Amino acid sequence: MIPLIFLLIAIGEFKYIGFFKSIKKTDFGKLDTKLLSPLCLIIAIFGIVIQLVK
């Protein structure tokens, strides 16, 4: 369940957060693209792998 939440954060809500956001020129948008979205995607992938191995 938790990896799914992080995956949804990485995908975003198509306006302010995630890889598919439309507003990208703000300071938060730039940091989101560089840090938050990739981090959430990595956490989601690791969480899914851990659940599959378990």
PDB file of N, CA and C in Angstrom:
ATOM      1  N   MET A   1       0.812  -1.193   0.000  1.00  0.00           N
ATOM      2  CA  MET A   1       0.000   0.000   0.000  1.00  0.00           C
ATOM      3  C   MET A   1       0.864   1.270   0.000  1.00  0.00           C
ATOM      4  N   ILE A   2       1.890   1.299   0.835  1.00  0.00           N
ATOM      5  CA  ILE A   2       2.753   2.479   0.921  1.00  0.00           C
ATOM      6  C   ILE A   2       3.528   2.718  -0.381  1.00  0.00           C
ATOM      7  N   PRO A   3       4.090   1.683  -1.028  1.00  0.00           N
ATOM      8  CA  PRO A   3       4.757   1.948  -2.311  1.00  0.00           C
ATOM      9  C   PRO A   3       3.816   2.541  -3.358  1.00  0.00           C
ATOM     10  N   LEU A   4       2.560   2.168  -3.323  1.00  0.00           N
ATOM     11  CA  LEU A   4       1.583   2.730  -4.257  1.00  0.00           C
ATOM     12  C   LEU A   4       1.396   4.226  -4.009  1.00  0.00           C
ATOM     13  N   ILE A   5       1.383   4.629  -2.761  1.00  0.00           N
ATOM     14  CA  ILE A   5       1.251   6.056  -2.432  1.00  0.00           C
ATOM     15  C   ILE A   5       2.448   6.842  -2.963  1.00  0.00           C
ATOM     16  N   PHE A   6       3.658   6.305  -2.764  1.00  0.00           N
ATOM     17  CA  PHE A   6       4.842   6.986  -3.276  1.00  0.00           C
ATOM     18  C   PHE A   6       4.841   7.023  -4.807  1.00  0.00           C
ATOM     19  N   LEU A   7       4.349   5.990  -5.446  1.00  0.00           N
ATOM     20  CA  LEU A   7       4.254   5.980  -6.903  1.00  0.00           C
ATOM     21  C   LEU A   7       3.276   7.046  -7.388  1.00  0.00           C
ATOM     22  N   LEU A   8       2.168   7.197  -6.694  1.00  0.00           N
ATOM     23  CA  LEU A   8       1.206   8.231  -7.069  1.00  0.00           C
ATOM     24  C   LEU A   8       1.778   9.638  -6.862  1.00  0.00           C
ATOM     25  N   ILE A   9       2.580   9.820  -5.829  1.00  0.00           N
ATOM     26  CA  ILE A   9       3.231  11.115  -5.622  1.00  0.00           C
ATOM     27  C   ILE A   9       4.215  11.388  -6.754  1.00  0.00           C
ATOM     28  N   ALA A  10       4.959  10.366  -7.170  1.00  0.00           N
ATOM     29  CA  ALA A  10       5.930  10.550  -8.251  1.00  0.00           C
ATOM     30  C   ALA A  10       5.232  10.885  -9.564  1.00  0.00           C
ATOM     31  N   ILE A  11       4.108  10.237  -9.830  1.00  0.00           N
ATOM     32  CA  ILE A  11       3.358  10.535 -11.052  1.00  0.00           C
ATOM     33  C   ILE A  11       2.761  11.926 -10.953  1.00  0.00           C
ATOM     34  N   GLY A  12       2.191  12.247  -9.819  1.00  0.00           N
ATOM     35  CA  GLY A  12       1.715  13.595  -9.569  1.00  0.00           C
ATOM     36  C   GLY A  12       0.247  13.801  -9.856  1.00  0.00           C
ATOM     37  N   GLU A  13      -0.168  15.041  -9.641  1.00  0.00           N
ATOM     38  CA  GLU A  13      -1.558  15.417  -9.847  1.00  0.00           C
ATOM     39  C   GLU A  13      -1.707  16.333 -11.060  1.00  0.00           C
ATOM     40  N   PHE A  14      -0.679  16.361 -11.903  1.00  0.00           N
ATOM     41  CA  PHE A  14      -0.673  17.024 -13.209  1.00  0.00           C
ATOM     42  C   PHE A  14      -0.698  18.554 -13.164  1.00  0.00           C
ATOM     43  N   LYS A  15      -0.548  19.165 -11.993  1.00  0.00           N
ATOM     44  CA  LYS A  15      -0.466  20.618 -11.950  1.00  0.00           C
ATOM     45  C   LYS A  15       0.778  21.076 -11.204  1.00  0.00           C
ATOM     46  N   TYR A  16       0.960  20.665  -9.947  1.00  0.00           N
ATOM     47  CA  TYR A  16       2.062  21.165  -9.138  1.00  0.00           C
ATOM     48  C   TYR A  16       3.098  20.112  -8.763  1.00  0.00           C
ATOM     49  N   ILE A  17       2.722  18.840  -8.680  1.00  0.00           N
ATOM     50  CA  ILE A  17       3.596  17.798  -8.141  1.00  0.00           C
ATOM     51  C   ILE A  17       3.722  16.655  -9.132  1.00  0.00           C
ATOM     52  N   GLY A  18       4.911  16.072  -9.209  1.00  0.00           N
ATOM     53  CA  GLY A  18       5.132  14.875 -10.002  1.00  0.00           C
ATOM     54  C   GLY A  18       5.837  15.137 -11.325  1.00  0.00           C
ATOM     55  N   PHE A  19       6.129  14.039 -12.023  1.00  0.00           N
ATOM     56  CA  PHE A  19       6.838  14.138 -13.289  1.00  0.00           C
ATOM     57  C   PHE A  19       5.992  14.794 -14.383  1.00  0.00           C
ATOM     58  N   PHE A  20       4.691  14.683 -14.302  1.00  0.00           N
ATOM     59  CA  PHE A  20       3.812  15.178 -15.357  1.00  0.00           C
ATOM     60  C   PHE A  20       3.124  16.493 -14.990  1.00  0.00           C
ATOM     61  N   LYS A  21       3.756  17.301 -14.146  1.00  0.00           N
ATOM     62  CA  LYS A  21       3.155  18.573 -13.724  1.00  0.00           C
ATOM     63  C   LYS A  21       3.214  19.597 -14.854  1.00  0.00           C
ATOM     64  N   SER A  22       2.306  20.540 -14.829  1.00  0.00           N
ATOM     65  CA  SER A  22       2.267  21.564 -15.868  1.00  0.00           C
ATOM     66  C   SER A  22       2.983  22.848 -15.443  1.00  0.00           C
ATOM     67  N   ILE A  23       3.059  23.124 -14.151  1.00  0.00           N
ATOM     68  CA  ILE A  23       3.745  24.315 -13.652  1.00  0.00           C
ATOM     69  C   ILE A  23       5.131  23.889 -13.190  1.00  0.00           C
ATOM     70  N   LYS A  24       6.148  24.205 -13.998  1.00  0.00           N
ATOM     71  CA  LYS A  24       7.505  23.725 -13.739  1.00  0.00           C
ATOM     72  C   LYS A  24       8.504  24.825 -13.441  1.00  0.00           C
ATOM     73  N   LYS A  25       8.170  26.077 -13.652  1.00  0.00           N
ATOM     74  CA  LYS A  25       9.142  27.165 -13.563  1.00  0.00           C
ATOM     75  C   LYS A  25       9.344  27.722 -12.155  1.00  0.00           C
ATOM     76  N   THR A  26       8.562  27.288 -11.171  1.00  0.00           N
ATOM     77  CA  THR A  26       8.727  27.793  -9.810  1.00  0.00           C
ATOM     78  C   THR A  26       9.910  27.099  -9.138  1.00  0.00           C
ATOM     79  N   ASP A  27      10.354  27.657  -8.022  1.00  0.00           N
ATOM     80  CA  ASP A  27      11.450  27.033  -7.276  1.00  0.00           C
ATOM     81  C   ASP A  27      11.070  25.631  -6.817  1.00  0.00           C
ATOM     82  N   PHE A  28       9.830  25.497  -6.313  1.00  0.00           N
ATOM     83  CA  PHE A  28       9.384  24.175  -5.879  1.00  0.00           C
ATOM     84  C   PHE A  28       9.293  23.219  -7.060  1.00  0.00           C
ATOM     85  N   GLY A  29       8.824  23.697  -8.193  1.00  0.00           N
ATOM     86  CA  GLY A  29       8.712  22.836  -9.368  1.00  0.00           C
ATOM     87  C   GLY A  29      10.056  22.305  -9.822  1.00  0.00           C
ATOM     88  N   LYS A  30      11.069  23.150  -9.768  1.00  0.00           N
ATOM     89  CA  LYS A  30      12.413  22.717 -10.157  1.00  0.00           C
ATOM     90  C   LYS A  30      12.967  21.689  -9.172  1.00  0.00           C
ATOM     91  N   LEU A  31      12.801  21.955  -7.875  1.00  0.00           N
ATOM     92  CA  LEU A  31      13.277  21.000  -6.873  1.00  0.00           C
ATOM     93  C   LEU A  31      12.473  19.707  -6.903  1.00  0.00           C
ATOM     94  N   ASP A  32      11.193  19.801  -7.211  1.00  0.00           N
ATOM     95  CA  ASP A  32      10.355  18.613  -7.318  1.00  0.00           C
ATOM     96  C   ASP A  32      10.855  17.719  -8.443  1.00  0.00           C
ATOM     97  N   THR A  33      11.215  18.332  -9.552  1.00  0.00           N
ATOM     98  CA  THR A  33      11.708  17.552 -10.688  1.00  0.00           C
ATOM     99  C   THR A  33      13.058  16.918 -10.376  1.00  0.00           C
ATOM    100  N   LYS A  34      13.913  17.625  -9.651  1.00  0.00           N
ATOM    101  CA  LYS A  34      15.251  17.114  -9.358  1.00  0.00           C
ATOM    102  C   LYS A  34      15.288  16.156  -8.176  1.00  0.00           C
ATOM    103  N   LEU A  35      14.469  16.393  -7.144  1.00  0.00           N
ATOM    104  CA  LEU A  35      14.611  15.641  -5.897  1.00  0.00           C
ATOM    105  C   LEU A  35      13.390  14.823  -5.496  1.00  0.00           C
ATOM    106  N   LEU A  36      12.254  15.477  -5.336  1.00  0.00           N
ATOM    107  CA  LEU A  36      11.096  14.806  -4.734  1.00  0.00           C
ATOM    108  C   LEU A  36      10.545  13.681  -5.602  1.00  0.00           C
ATOM    109  N   SER A  37      10.282  13.949  -6.850  1.00  0.00           N
ATOM    110  CA  SER A  37       9.695  12.927  -7.719  1.00  0.00           C
ATOM    111  C   SER A  37      10.617  11.721  -7.911  1.00  0.00           C
ATOM    112  N   PRO A  38      11.924  11.932  -8.201  1.00  0.00           N
ATOM    113  CA  PRO A  38      12.800  10.756  -8.307  1.00  0.00           C
ATOM    114  C   PRO A  38      12.918   9.977  -6.997  1.00  0.00           C
ATOM    115  N   LEU A  39      12.965  10.695  -5.873  1.00  0.00           N
ATOM    116  CA  LEU A  39      13.048  10.014  -4.583  1.00  0.00           C
ATOM    117  C   LEU A  39      11.810   9.170  -4.327  1.00  0.00           C
ATOM    118  N   CYS A  40      10.646   9.717  -4.599  1.00  0.00           N
ATOM    119  CA  CYS A  40       9.403   8.962  -4.411  1.00  0.00           C
ATOM    120  C   CYS A  40       9.353   7.754  -5.336  1.00  0.00           C
ATOM    121  N   LEU A  41       9.844   7.907  -6.559  1.00  0.00           N
ATOM    122  CA  LEU A  41       9.865   6.780  -7.492  1.00  0.00           C
ATOM    123  C   LEU A  41      10.808   5.684  -7.007  1.00  0.00           C
ATOM    124  N   ILE A  42      11.970   6.064  -6.501  1.00  0.00           N
ATOM    125  CA  ILE A  42      12.917   5.076  -5.976  1.00  0.00           C
ATOM    126  C   ILE A  42      12.339   4.353  -4.771  1.00  0.00           C
ATOM    127  N   ILE A  43      11.709   5.089  -3.866  1.00  0.00           N
ATOM    128  CA  ILE A  43      11.091   4.467  -2.687  1.00  0.00           C
ATOM    129  C   ILE A  43       9.992   3.504  -3.123  1.00  0.00           C
ATOM    130  N   ALA A  44       9.194   3.895  -4.108  1.00  0.00           N
ATOM    131  CA  ALA A  44       8.123   3.025  -4.594  1.00  0.00           C
ATOM    132  C   ALA A  44       8.690   1.749  -5.215  1.00  0.00           C
ATOM    133  N   ILE A  45       9.730   1.879  -6.020  1.00  0.00           N
ATOM    134  CA  ILE A  45      10.328   0.694  -6.658  1.00  0.00           C
ATOM    135  C   ILE A  45      10.922  -0.235  -5.617  1.00  0.00           C
ATOM    136  N   PHE A  46      11.678   0.313  -4.663  1.00  0.00           N
ATOM    137  CA  PHE A  46      12.240  -0.514  -3.609  1.00  0.00           C
ATOM    138  C   PHE A  46      11.156  -1.184  -2.773  1.00  0.00           C
ATOM    139  N   GLY A  47      10.099  -0.458  -2.472  1.00  0.00           N
ATOM    140  CA  GLY A  47       8.995  -1.043  -1.699  1.00  0.00           C
ATOM    141  C   GLY A  47       8.321  -2.185  -2.431  1.00  0.00           C
ATOM    142  N   ILE A  48       8.124  -2.022  -3.739  1.00  0.00           N
ATOM    143  CA  ILE A  48       7.508  -3.096  -4.535  1.00  0.00           C
ATOM    144  C   ILE A  48       8.432  -4.303  -4.596  1.00  0.00           C
ATOM    145  N   VAL A  49       9.726  -4.066  -4.796  1.00  0.00           N
ATOM    146  CA  VAL A  49      10.699  -5.176  -4.847  1.00  0.00           C
ATOM    147  C   VAL A  49      10.730  -5.907  -3.524  1.00  0.00           C
ATOM    148  N   ILE A  50      10.732  -5.178  -2.425  1.00  0.00           N
ATOM    149  CA  ILE A  50      10.756  -5.816  -1.101  1.00  0.00           C
ATOM    150  C   ILE A  50       9.514  -6.674  -0.896  1.00  0.00           C
ATOM    151  N   GLN A  51       8.353  -6.178  -1.332  1.00  0.00           N
ATOM    152  CA  GLN A  51       7.128  -6.955  -1.166  1.00  0.00           C
ATOM    153  C   GLN A  51       7.134  -8.204  -2.056  1.00  0.00           C
ATOM    154  N   LEU A  52       7.726  -8.107  -3.231  1.00  0.00           N
ATOM    155  CA  LEU A  52       7.771  -9.259  -4.125  1.00  0.00           C
ATOM    156  C   LEU A  52       8.748 -10.314  -3.633  1.00  0.00           C
ATOM    157  N   VAL A  53       9.860  -9.892  -3.042  1.00  0.00           N
ATOM    158  CA  VAL A  53      10.860 -10.833  -2.537  1.00  0.00           C
ATOM    159  C   VAL A  53      10.377 -11.526  -1.272  1.00  0.00           C
ATOM    160  N   LYS A  54       9.618 -10.810  -0.503  1.00  0.00           N
ATOM    161  CA  LYS A  54       9.123 -11.314   0.779  1.00  0.00           C
ATOM    162  C   LYS A  54       8.227 -12.458   0.556  1.00  0.00           C
TER     163      LYS A  54
END
